[in-house]
């Protein structure tokens, strides 16, 4: 007898092939039959007539590293069809770690990962992954080794090259974390302490990653004026290290750079022709989200977050920052104010009730409301909230979003940062791709979109039993109504589940049934072998 039988659905299997009609039989955690007219007895039967049956969606970039401990039911993922997600992004995460650096890393990541735990009861990657498994989470997780963590352990938060001994310590920490089950190595070259790394350090760490069959995931140094230079930098590093490259949230930032996506994709193609395996991820929006302190130029972050916040109290430091932001004293960095303007920077979340009024408002609006300069608004918020502030930044164009989504190297990501009034991508990414860019605007086909959300990320992650609907594969599935699926969140009212997701299965268990969370939690950590 089958545990679950799906009848009459249109199967989009993740391979890129068009849909076909068949039934799917599931026993325990696996797909055991795919064929027409399965008549076996089953404990549960789903009539999927008029619905699309696909593999569960795989999120290639999210920030639920700590959120999972507060919300192991993972509703924001499940309700948009996500069954597996990749953590440890931007070089800023929670393991491996040592006791001396836990408090500084907690503060550094408070805006990105949230303050969901008062203490981290782990040091090694293995201990962290075991802690997730102990929760019995609703979805699957995979983990990257965060560059910022191993750099902090090896040499602290200093803005300098690593010594030979410090680099060897980083390589040892990376090796052990890969052996513990991480699938790759990440860095964020606009965030401290990753931004302080030079080419030699990154090449050596990528060589270690490649030796374990892993890949390098990078938030590049610049996604606007120096986008092409940034692609060449990280591609050159990986070409030398013989390590596959995955670029985080590819985009062309700032009005003066709109249209540069074509040149970026051409540059990526050139490196693939040289033999470098490159993929990238994308969220389907014209705005992004990150920590508010990213509007402060890099050199002011030297020494760690506490030192940054103390320096922001100085009016002379604030004036120096303003001159750099306004390009009166130009410096080469990711200048979000030049790219977006203060009216294009919106506060998503703060930590205290005192400043809750700021959520959902732009810095320009807050400056007018409070009678302060925009920079003073930012500095005061960062100080009062101990850096735990996130923002949405409006930088992009629809034409670039569409150009990037068409690429055969594109995989889906939410880049979800949940808290306050988050970017709507945290709840709506998958539905937006399928509703807006497939059904309504026909930018890509349904089978192409599903491939970018299932088998292509599974291939990149080395998952050999997920991402395609095939007999013998794990039964992670999403069943949705293609005629109605759509995202519902707005920039200021974002925490809405999308329409159209009917059923989600994780390891053969119904996690979503008739559009509602069931409470079944059958996810786990997928350790890289």
Protein backbone atom coordinates (compact mmCIF):
# COMPACT_ATOMS: atom_id res chain seq x y z
CA UNK A 1 0.00 0.00 0.00
CA UNK A 2 1.14 3.52 -0.81
CA UNK A 3 1.38 6.17 1.85
CA UNK A 4 0.29 8.90 -0.54
CA UNK A 5 -1.01 8.97 -4.11
CA UNK A 6 -1.16 12.07 -6.31
CA UNK A 7 -3.67 11.66 -9.14
CA UNK A 8 -4.34 13.58 -12.37
CA UNK A 9 -1.69 16.28 -12.02
CA UNK A 10 0.34 18.01 -14.71
CA UNK A 11 3.90 17.03 -13.87
CA UNK A 12 6.68 19.54 -14.45
CA UNK A 13 9.53 17.31 -13.37
CA UNK A 14 12.34 19.87 -12.97
CA UNK A 15 14.39 18.72 -15.96
CA UNK A 16 13.25 21.56 -18.19
CA UNK A 17 10.93 19.29 -20.15
CA UNK A 18 7.29 20.38 -20.68
CA UNK A 19 4.53 19.08 -18.43
CA UNK A 20 2.97 15.68 -18.86
CA UNK A 21 0.07 13.88 -17.20
CA UNK A 22 0.77 11.06 -14.74
CA UNK A 23 0.14 9.86 -11.20
CA UNK A 24 2.77 9.72 -8.47
CA UNK A 25 2.95 7.09 -5.73
CA UNK A 26 4.88 7.75 -2.52
CA UNK A 27 6.00 5.26 0.12
CA UNK A 28 7.89 6.35 3.25
CA UNK A 29 10.06 9.28 2.09
CA UNK A 30 10.47 8.29 -1.58
CA UNK A 31 8.72 8.46 -4.91
CA UNK A 32 8.13 4.81 -5.81
CA UNK A 33 5.90 5.10 -8.90
CA UNK A 34 5.34 7.61 -11.68
CA UNK A 35 2.98 6.39 -14.37
CA UNK A 36 -0.49 6.78 -15.82
CA UNK A 37 -3.45 5.49 -13.82
CA UNK A 38 -1.90 4.19 -10.63
CA UNK A 39 -4.68 2.28 -8.90
CA UNK A 40 -2.83 1.08 -5.80
CA UNK A 41 -4.48 1.52 -2.43
CA UNK A 42 -3.17 4.54 -0.56
CA UNK A 43 -3.56 6.03 2.91
CA UNK A 44 -3.90 9.51 1.41
CA UNK A 45 -4.99 10.45 -2.11
CA UNK A 46 -4.65 13.94 -3.56
CA UNK A 47 -6.63 14.84 -6.65
CA UNK A 48 -4.30 17.25 -8.47
CA UNK A 49 -6.57 17.74 -11.49
CA UNK A 50 -5.84 21.20 -12.91
CA UNK A 51 -2.75 21.61 -10.72
CA UNK A 52 1.00 21.57 -11.40
CA UNK A 53 3.08 18.96 -9.57
CA UNK A 54 6.76 19.86 -9.31
CA UNK A 55 9.79 19.11 -7.16
CA UNK A 56 9.98 21.13 -3.96
CA UNK A 57 11.62 24.51 -4.54
CA UNK A 58 15.24 25.05 -3.45
CA UNK A 59 16.23 28.47 -2.08
CA UNK A 60 19.89 29.14 -2.91
CA UNK A 61 20.30 32.09 -0.53
CA UNK A 62 18.50 32.78 2.73
CA UNK A 63 19.25 33.93 6.27
CA UNK A 64 17.28 31.59 8.54
CA UNK A 65 20.42 30.39 10.34
CA UNK A 66 18.97 31.48 13.72
CA UNK A 67 15.33 32.02 12.81
CA UNK A 68 14.88 28.25 12.53
CA UNK A 69 15.41 27.98 16.30
CA UNK A 70 12.56 30.42 16.95
CA UNK A 71 10.25 29.20 14.18
CA UNK A 72 11.08 25.57 13.28
CA UNK A 73 7.69 25.36 11.53
CA UNK A 74 9.25 27.58 8.81
CA UNK A 75 5.93 28.81 7.46
CA UNK A 76 7.37 31.57 5.25
CA UNK A 77 9.30 28.93 3.30
CA UNK A 78 6.66 26.23 3.14
CA UNK A 79 3.83 28.51 2.10
CA UNK A 80 5.73 29.45 -1.06
CA UNK A 81 6.72 25.86 -1.82
CA UNK A 82 10.32 25.86 -0.53
CA UNK A 83 11.50 22.53 0.85
CA UNK A 84 15.29 23.09 0.99
CA UNK A 85 17.37 26.21 1.67
CA UNK A 86 21.06 27.15 1.71
CA UNK A 87 22.33 28.91 4.86
CA UNK A 88 25.67 30.43 5.91
CA UNK A 89 25.52 33.24 3.36
CA UNK A 90 27.60 36.42 2.84
CA UNK A 91 30.41 35.11 5.05
CA UNK A 92 28.34 36.07 8.10
CA UNK A 93 26.99 33.17 10.08
CA UNK A 94 27.23 31.27 13.32
CA UNK A 95 29.64 28.35 12.88
CA UNK A 96 32.41 27.44 13.17
CA UNK A 97 32.97 29.82 16.07
CA UNK A 98 34.96 30.16 19.29
CA UNK A 99 33.86 31.55 22.64
CA UNK A 100 35.95 34.71 22.31
CA UNK A 101 34.19 35.79 19.11
CA UNK A 102 30.60 34.74 19.82
CA UNK A 103 29.53 38.08 21.30
CA UNK A 104 31.10 40.20 18.51
CA UNK A 105 29.61 37.91 15.84
CA UNK A 106 26.21 38.00 17.53
CA UNK A 107 26.26 41.78 17.27
CA UNK A 108 27.67 41.78 13.73
CA UNK A 109 24.92 39.47 12.48
CA UNK A 110 22.05 40.87 14.58
CA UNK A 111 20.54 42.78 11.67
CA UNK A 112 21.06 39.97 9.17
CA UNK A 113 20.18 36.90 11.23
CA UNK A 114 18.16 38.43 14.07
CA UNK A 115 18.45 38.09 17.84
CA UNK A 116 16.54 34.84 18.24
CA UNK A 117 18.93 33.22 20.74
CA UNK A 118 20.59 34.61 23.86
CA UNK A 119 23.49 32.19 23.47
CA UNK A 120 24.96 29.92 20.81
CA UNK A 121 25.39 26.45 22.28
CA UNK A 122 27.84 25.28 19.67
CA UNK A 123 31.30 25.99 18.35
CA UNK A 124 31.94 23.57 15.49
CA UNK A 125 29.97 23.21 12.27
CA UNK A 126 28.99 19.68 13.30
CA UNK A 127 27.55 20.93 16.59
CA UNK A 128 25.54 23.63 14.84
CA UNK A 129 24.12 21.21 12.26
CA UNK A 130 23.24 18.77 15.03
CA UNK A 131 21.42 21.59 16.85
CA UNK A 132 19.24 22.22 13.79
CA UNK A 133 18.46 18.52 13.41
CA UNK A 134 17.45 18.35 17.07
CA UNK A 135 14.70 20.90 16.36
CA UNK A 136 13.03 18.62 13.82
CA UNK A 137 12.60 21.56 11.39
CA UNK A 138 9.88 21.69 8.75
CA UNK A 139 12.26 22.07 5.79
CA UNK A 140 15.74 20.90 4.80
CA UNK A 141 18.85 23.02 5.23
CA UNK A 142 22.32 22.97 3.74
CA UNK A 143 25.21 25.04 5.05
CA UNK A 144 28.12 27.09 3.73
CA UNK A 145 31.27 27.82 5.73
CA UNK A 146 31.20 31.57 6.48
CA UNK A 147 34.44 33.39 5.75
CA UNK A 148 33.75 36.06 8.37
CA UNK A 149 33.51 33.47 11.13
CA UNK A 150 36.75 31.66 10.37
CA UNK A 151 38.56 34.99 9.80
CA UNK A 152 37.33 36.33 13.14
CA UNK A 153 38.53 33.18 14.91
CA UNK A 154 41.92 33.32 13.17
CA UNK A 155 42.75 37.03 13.44
CA UNK A 156 39.84 38.98 14.86
CA UNK A 157 38.26 41.97 13.14
CA UNK A 158 41.36 43.73 11.90
CA UNK A 159 41.66 45.36 8.47
CA UNK A 160 44.84 43.69 7.27
CA UNK A 161 46.05 40.65 5.35
CA UNK A 162 46.25 37.38 7.24
CA UNK A 163 49.72 36.14 8.21
CA UNK A 164 50.87 32.73 7.00
CA UNK A 165 49.95 31.14 10.34
CA UNK A 166 46.56 32.86 10.41
CA UNK A 167 45.78 31.70 6.89
CA UNK A 168 46.73 28.15 7.84
CA UNK A 169 44.34 28.36 10.79
CA UNK A 170 41.54 29.53 8.49
CA UNK A 171 42.26 26.67 6.10
CA UNK A 172 42.15 24.19 8.98
CA UNK A 173 38.82 25.56 10.23
CA UNK A 174 37.41 25.47 6.71
CA UNK A 175 38.59 21.88 6.17
CA UNK A 176 37.00 20.67 9.38
CA UNK A 177 33.71 22.45 8.62
CA UNK A 178 33.60 20.88 5.16
CA UNK A 179 34.24 17.47 6.70
CA UNK A 180 31.38 18.20 9.12
CA UNK A 181 28.97 18.51 6.20
CA UNK A 182 29.12 22.02 4.75
CA UNK A 183 28.77 22.14 0.97
CA UNK A 184 30.78 25.26 0.16
CA UNK A 185 32.43 28.47 1.33
CA UNK A 186 30.86 31.93 1.41
CA UNK A 187 32.04 35.48 1.77
CA UNK A 188 30.62 38.97 1.65
CA UNK A 189 33.13 41.39 0.20
CA UNK A 190 31.14 44.45 1.29
CA UNK A 191 30.86 43.27 4.91
CA UNK A 192 33.50 43.20 7.64
CA UNK A 193 35.57 41.18 8.23
CA UNK A 194 35.32 39.52 4.78
CA UNK A 195 35.90 42.83 3.02
CA UNK A 196 39.44 42.91 4.40
CA UNK A 197 40.54 39.79 2.51
CA UNK A 198 42.85 40.01 -0.47
CA UNK A 199 43.23 37.75 -3.46
CA UNK A 200 45.83 35.39 -1.99
CA UNK A 201 43.68 34.61 1.04
CA UNK A 202 40.60 33.92 -1.06
CA UNK A 203 42.48 31.78 -3.59
CA UNK A 204 43.93 29.60 -0.85
CA UNK A 205 40.57 29.15 0.86
CA UNK A 206 38.87 28.35 -2.44
CA UNK A 207 41.49 25.68 -3.12
CA UNK A 208 40.53 23.99 0.14
CA UNK A 209 36.84 24.28 -0.75
CA UNK A 210 37.40 22.73 -4.16
CA UNK A 211 39.36 19.84 -2.65
CA UNK A 212 36.19 18.83 -0.79
CA UNK A 213 33.99 19.12 -3.87
CA UNK A 214 32.55 22.42 -2.68
CA UNK A 215 31.97 25.77 -4.35
CA UNK A 216 32.53 29.47 -3.57
CA UNK A 217 29.48 31.66 -2.94
CA UNK A 218 30.20 35.38 -2.96
CA UNK A 219 28.47 38.68 -2.41
CA UNK A 220 30.81 40.67 -4.64
CA UNK A 221 32.58 43.91 -3.72
CA UNK A 222 30.36 45.97 -5.98
CA UNK A 223 27.12 45.42 -7.90
CA UNK A 224 26.90 48.86 -9.49
CA UNK A 225 29.61 51.11 -10.94
CA UNK A 226 32.26 48.36 -10.65
CA UNK A 227 30.03 45.36 -11.37
CA UNK A 228 32.14 44.00 -14.22
CA UNK A 229 35.39 44.49 -12.29
CA UNK A 230 33.85 42.62 -9.38
CA UNK A 231 32.82 39.67 -11.54
CA UNK A 232 36.32 39.53 -13.00
CA UNK A 233 37.83 39.60 -9.50
CA UNK A 234 35.91 36.63 -8.12
CA UNK A 235 35.97 34.68 -11.38
CA UNK A 236 39.74 35.14 -11.57
CA UNK A 237 40.11 33.88 -8.01
CA UNK A 238 38.08 30.76 -8.76
CA UNK A 239 39.80 30.15 -12.09
CA UNK A 240 43.17 30.11 -10.30
CA UNK A 241 41.84 27.97 -7.45
CA UNK A 242 39.99 25.60 -9.81
CA UNK A 243 36.88 26.11 -7.68
CA UNK A 244 33.30 26.49 -8.98
CA UNK A 245 31.80 29.96 -8.46
CA UNK A 246 28.28 30.93 -7.47
CA UNK A 247 27.51 34.68 -7.42
CA UNK A 248 24.94 35.86 -4.91
CA UNK A 249 21.89 37.87 -6.10
CA UNK A 250 23.24 39.09 -9.44
CA UNK A 251 22.00 42.60 -10.25
CA UNK A 252 22.87 45.98 -11.80
CA UNK A 253 22.59 48.55 -9.03
CA UNK A 254 21.87 52.25 -9.49
CA UNK A 255 20.16 54.09 -12.34
CA UNK A 256 23.46 54.92 -14.01
CA UNK A 257 24.10 51.16 -14.30
CA UNK A 258 20.72 50.05 -15.59
CA UNK A 259 21.22 47.87 -18.65
CA UNK A 260 24.59 46.60 -17.45
CA UNK A 261 23.10 43.13 -16.86
CA UNK A 262 23.81 42.19 -20.49
CA UNK A 263 27.50 43.01 -20.09
CA UNK A 264 27.59 41.11 -16.78
CA UNK A 265 26.08 38.00 -18.36
CA UNK A 266 28.49 38.27 -21.27
CA UNK A 267 31.40 38.46 -18.82
CA UNK A 268 30.14 35.34 -17.02
CA UNK A 269 29.86 33.53 -20.36
CA UNK A 270 33.46 34.42 -21.21
CA UNK A 271 34.71 32.82 -18.00
CA UNK A 272 32.61 29.71 -18.60
CA UNK A 273 34.27 29.43 -22.01
CA UNK A 274 37.61 29.47 -20.16
CA UNK A 275 36.48 26.42 -18.22
CA UNK A 276 35.16 28.03 -15.02
CA UNK A 277 31.86 26.68 -13.73
CA UNK A 278 29.75 29.74 -12.80
CA UNK A 279 26.16 29.98 -11.66
CA UNK A 280 24.32 32.69 -9.78
CA UNK A 281 21.09 33.33 -7.94
CA UNK A 282 18.50 36.10 -8.21
CA UNK A 283 15.42 37.32 -6.36
CA UNK A 284 12.78 38.78 -8.73
CA UNK A 285 12.51 42.33 -7.38
CA UNK A 286 13.95 45.77 -8.18
CA UNK A 287 14.97 46.30 -4.55
CA UNK A 288 17.18 44.41 -2.15
CA UNK A 289 17.62 44.24 1.60
CA UNK A 290 20.55 44.14 3.96
CA UNK A 291 21.91 45.62 7.17
CA UNK A 292 21.57 49.40 7.50
CA UNK A 293 25.24 49.72 8.46
CA UNK A 294 26.12 48.91 4.82
CA UNK A 295 25.52 52.61 4.02
CA UNK A 296 28.62 53.40 6.13
CA UNK A 297 31.88 53.27 4.11
CA UNK A 298 34.04 50.18 4.75
CA UNK A 299 36.99 51.76 6.54
CA UNK A 300 34.78 52.92 9.42
CA UNK A 301 33.98 49.28 10.22
CA UNK A 302 37.63 48.44 11.04
CA UNK A 303 37.93 46.92 14.50
CA UNK A 304 34.39 45.57 14.75
CA UNK A 305 30.86 46.76 15.42
CA UNK A 306 31.43 48.23 18.89
CA UNK A 307 34.18 50.48 17.55
CA UNK A 308 31.99 51.51 14.59
CA UNK A 309 29.08 52.49 16.83
CA UNK A 310 31.32 54.46 19.15
CA UNK A 311 32.85 56.37 16.23
CA UNK A 312 29.40 57.27 14.88
CA UNK A 313 28.81 59.40 17.98
CA UNK A 314 31.48 61.84 16.76
CA UNK A 315 30.08 64.74 14.64
CA UNK A 316 33.38 64.97 12.77
CA UNK A 317 33.18 61.30 11.76
CA UNK A 318 29.61 61.81 10.57
CA UNK A 319 30.67 64.76 8.44
CA UNK A 320 33.49 62.72 6.90
CA UNK A 321 31.02 59.93 6.09
CA UNK A 322 28.61 62.43 4.53
CA UNK A 323 31.35 63.81 2.25
CA UNK A 324 32.16 60.26 1.08
CA UNK A 325 28.48 59.36 0.54
CA UNK A 326 27.92 62.60 -1.41
CA UNK A 327 31.05 61.84 -3.50
CA UNK A 328 32.69 65.10 -2.41
CA UNK A 329 35.51 62.85 -1.18
CA UNK A 330 35.09 59.85 -3.51
CA UNK A 331 36.05 56.38 -2.31
CA UNK A 332 35.64 53.12 -4.20
CA UNK A 333 32.88 51.20 -2.42
CA UNK A 334 29.25 50.10 -2.75
CA UNK A 335 27.70 53.56 -2.23
CA UNK A 336 24.00 52.82 -1.68
CA UNK A 337 23.15 56.49 -1.22
CA UNK A 338 24.52 57.35 -4.64
CA UNK A 339 22.70 54.33 -6.12
CA UNK A 340 19.35 54.79 -4.40
CA UNK A 341 19.11 58.18 -2.70
CA UNK A 342 17.81 58.55 0.85
CA UNK A 343 14.26 58.27 -0.46
CA UNK A 344 15.22 54.83 -1.79
CA UNK A 345 16.42 53.49 1.58
CA UNK A 346 13.56 52.11 3.73
CA UNK A 347 13.88 50.78 7.27
CA UNK A 348 12.64 47.19 7.54
CA UNK A 349 13.26 46.23 11.13
CA UNK A 350 14.64 47.51 14.42
CA UNK A 351 15.23 45.65 17.67
CA UNK A 352 13.53 47.91 20.24
CA UNK A 353 10.00 49.22 20.58
CA UNK A 354 11.39 52.73 21.01
CA UNK A 355 12.15 52.95 17.29
CA UNK A 356 9.38 50.69 15.99
CA UNK A 357 7.82 53.77 14.35
CA UNK A 358 10.68 53.78 11.84
CA UNK A 359 9.74 50.44 10.25
CA UNK A 360 8.28 50.84 6.78
CA UNK A 361 9.50 54.44 6.36
CA UNK A 362 12.30 55.76 4.17
CA UNK A 363 15.25 57.56 5.70
CA UNK A 364 14.15 60.69 3.82
CA UNK A 365 10.70 60.45 5.45
CA UNK A 366 12.24 59.93 8.88
CA UNK A 367 14.60 62.87 8.41
CA UNK A 368 11.65 65.13 7.61
CA UNK A 369 9.60 63.74 10.50
CA UNK A 370 12.40 64.03 13.07
CA UNK A 371 13.99 67.26 11.83
CA UNK A 372 17.38 65.59 11.37
CA UNK A 373 19.71 65.05 8.46
CA UNK A 374 19.37 61.64 6.81
CA UNK A 375 22.83 60.59 7.96
CA UNK A 376 22.04 61.58 11.56
CA UNK A 377 18.87 59.46 11.37
CA UNK A 378 20.95 56.47 10.27
CA UNK A 379 23.73 56.95 12.81
CA UNK A 380 21.31 57.48 15.69
CA UNK A 381 19.32 54.38 14.73
CA UNK A 382 22.45 52.23 14.50
CA UNK A 383 23.67 53.42 17.91
CA UNK A 384 20.30 53.10 19.66
CA UNK A 385 19.63 49.67 18.17
CA UNK A 386 23.18 48.34 18.68
CA UNK A 387 23.41 47.86 14.89
CA UNK A 388 20.34 45.55 14.68
CA UNK A 389 18.64 47.45 11.83
CA UNK A 390 17.83 46.24 8.32
CA UNK A 391 16.86 48.21 5.24
CA UNK A 392 15.30 47.80 1.81
CA UNK A 393 17.19 49.57 -0.98
CA UNK A 394 15.52 50.47 -4.27
CA UNK A 395 18.28 50.25 -6.86
CA UNK A 396 17.12 48.33 -9.92
CA UNK A 397 15.14 48.16 -13.15
CA UNK A 398 12.64 45.60 -14.38
CA UNK A 399 14.55 45.22 -17.65
CA UNK A 400 17.63 43.99 -15.77
CA UNK A 401 15.56 41.64 -13.63
CA UNK A 402 14.11 40.10 -16.79
CA UNK A 403 17.46 39.90 -18.56
CA UNK A 404 19.02 38.04 -15.64
CA UNK A 405 16.09 35.69 -15.06
CA UNK A 406 16.35 34.47 -18.69
CA UNK A 407 19.91 33.24 -18.23
CA UNK A 408 20.39 29.48 -18.16
CA UNK A 409 22.78 29.94 -15.21
CA UNK A 410 20.19 31.61 -12.95
CA UNK A 411 18.88 29.88 -9.82
CA UNK A 412 16.18 31.15 -7.49
CA UNK A 413 16.82 32.73 -4.11
CA UNK A 414 14.75 34.66 -1.58
CA UNK A 415 17.66 36.26 0.32
CA UNK A 416 15.06 36.33 3.09
CA UNK A 417 15.74 38.41 6.20
CA UNK A 418 12.65 38.03 8.40
CA UNK A 419 11.68 40.56 11.06
CA UNK A 420 9.75 43.82 11.38
CA UNK A 421 8.44 44.70 7.95
CA UNK A 422 10.74 42.57 5.81
CA UNK A 423 11.34 42.72 2.10
CA UNK A 424 8.38 40.91 0.45
CA UNK A 425 10.77 38.39 -1.09
CA UNK A 426 10.80 36.58 2.27
CA UNK A 427 7.23 35.41 1.63
CA UNK A 428 6.62 35.84 -2.08
CA UNK A 429 9.66 35.07 -4.23
CA UNK A 430 8.55 31.75 -5.73
CA UNK A 431 5.00 32.89 -6.41
CA UNK A 432 6.28 36.10 -7.99
CA UNK A 433 8.47 34.19 -10.43
CA UNK A 434 5.63 31.86 -11.41
CA UNK A 435 2.82 34.41 -11.40
CA UNK A 436 4.42 37.61 -12.69
CA UNK A 437 7.36 36.49 -14.82
CA UNK A 438 5.96 33.22 -16.19
CA UNK A 439 2.15 33.46 -16.40
CA UNK A 440 1.59 37.19 -16.79
CA UNK A 441 4.68 38.52 -18.59
CA UNK A 442 5.92 35.29 -20.19
CA UNK A 443 9.56 36.20 -19.65
CA UNK A 444 10.42 32.50 -19.30
CA UNK A 445 8.39 29.32 -19.68
CA UNK A 446 6.95 27.34 -16.79
CA UNK A 447 9.33 24.43 -17.34
CA UNK A 448 12.32 26.82 -17.42
CA UNK A 449 11.23 28.49 -14.20
CA UNK A 450 10.75 25.19 -12.39
CA UNK A 451 14.18 24.01 -13.52
CA UNK A 452 15.77 27.18 -12.07
CA UNK A 453 13.97 26.51 -8.78
CA UNK A 454 14.63 22.75 -8.52
CA UNK A 455 17.08 20.66 -10.56
CA UNK A 456 19.61 23.41 -11.32
CA UNK A 457 20.10 24.37 -7.66
CA UNK A 458 20.09 20.66 -6.73
CA UNK A 459 22.90 20.12 -9.26
CA UNK A 460 24.88 23.03 -7.82
CA UNK A 461 24.41 21.71 -4.27
CA UNK A 462 25.37 18.16 -5.21
CA UNK A 463 21.96 16.74 -4.29
CA UNK A 464 21.59 13.49 -6.21
CA UNK A 465 18.17 12.47 -4.91
CA UNK A 466 16.22 15.73 -5.02
CA UNK A 467 15.31 18.41 -7.54
CA UNK A 468 13.67 16.12 -10.10
CA UNK A 469 10.51 14.02 -9.91
CA UNK A 470 11.85 10.54 -10.52
CA UNK A 471 11.26 7.10 -9.07
CA UNK A 472 13.65 6.46 -6.19
CA UNK A 473 14.09 10.17 -5.41
CA UNK A 474 13.12 11.77 -2.10
CA UNK A 475 9.50 12.95 -2.11
CA UNK A 476 9.99 16.70 -1.70
CA UNK A 477 7.14 18.11 -3.83
CA UNK A 478 5.18 21.30 -4.37
CA UNK A 479 1.70 21.28 -5.92
CA UNK A 480 0.26 24.61 -7.05
CA UNK A 481 -2.42 26.24 -9.16
CA UNK A 482 -0.62 27.93 -12.04
CA UNK A 483 -3.73 29.93 -12.94
CA UNK A 484 -3.93 31.68 -9.57
CA UNK A 485 -0.45 31.67 -8.06
CA UNK A 486 0.75 35.16 -7.14
CA UNK A 487 2.64 37.01 -4.43
CA UNK A 488 0.60 39.30 -2.18
CA UNK A 489 3.13 41.27 -0.12
CA UNK A 490 3.88 44.95 -0.64
CA UNK A 491 6.91 46.97 0.41
CA UNK A 492 5.22 48.17 3.60
CA UNK A 493 2.85 45.24 4.19
CA UNK A 494 4.96 42.26 3.27
CA UNK A 495 4.17 39.36 5.58
CA UNK A 496 1.46 37.74 3.47
CA UNK A 497 1.50 34.18 2.20
CA UNK A 498 1.11 33.94 -1.58
CA UNK A 499 -1.93 32.50 -3.28
CA UNK A 500 -1.90 29.25 -5.23
CA UNK A 501 0.31 26.88 -3.20
CA UNK A 502 -1.97 23.94 -2.44
CA UNK A 503 0.25 21.13 -1.13
CA UNK A 504 3.88 20.81 -0.04
CA UNK A 505 5.54 17.52 0.84
CA UNK A 506 8.85 17.21 2.67
CA UNK A 507 10.30 13.69 2.69
CA UNK A 508 6.89 12.28 1.83
CA UNK A 509 5.05 14.06 4.65
CA UNK A 510 2.35 16.67 4.01
CA UNK A 511 3.70 19.95 5.37
CA UNK A 512 1.04 22.03 3.57
CA UNK A 513 -2.43 20.62 2.87
CA UNK A 514 -5.16 22.53 1.06
CA UNK A 515 -3.14 25.72 1.45
CA UNK A 516 -2.63 25.37 5.23
CA UNK A 517 0.35 24.40 7.39
CA UNK A 518 -0.17 20.93 8.84
CA UNK A 519 2.45 21.05 11.58
CA UNK A 520 4.37 18.08 10.16
CA UNK A 521 8.11 18.74 10.50
CA UNK A 522 10.11 16.20 8.50
CA UNK A 523 13.00 18.37 7.34
CA UNK A 524 16.64 17.87 8.28
CA UNK A 525 20.16 19.03 7.56
CA UNK A 526 21.45 17.68 4.27
CA UNK A 527 25.14 17.17 4.91
CA UNK A 528 27.46 17.31 1.91
CA UNK A 529 29.27 14.06 1.38
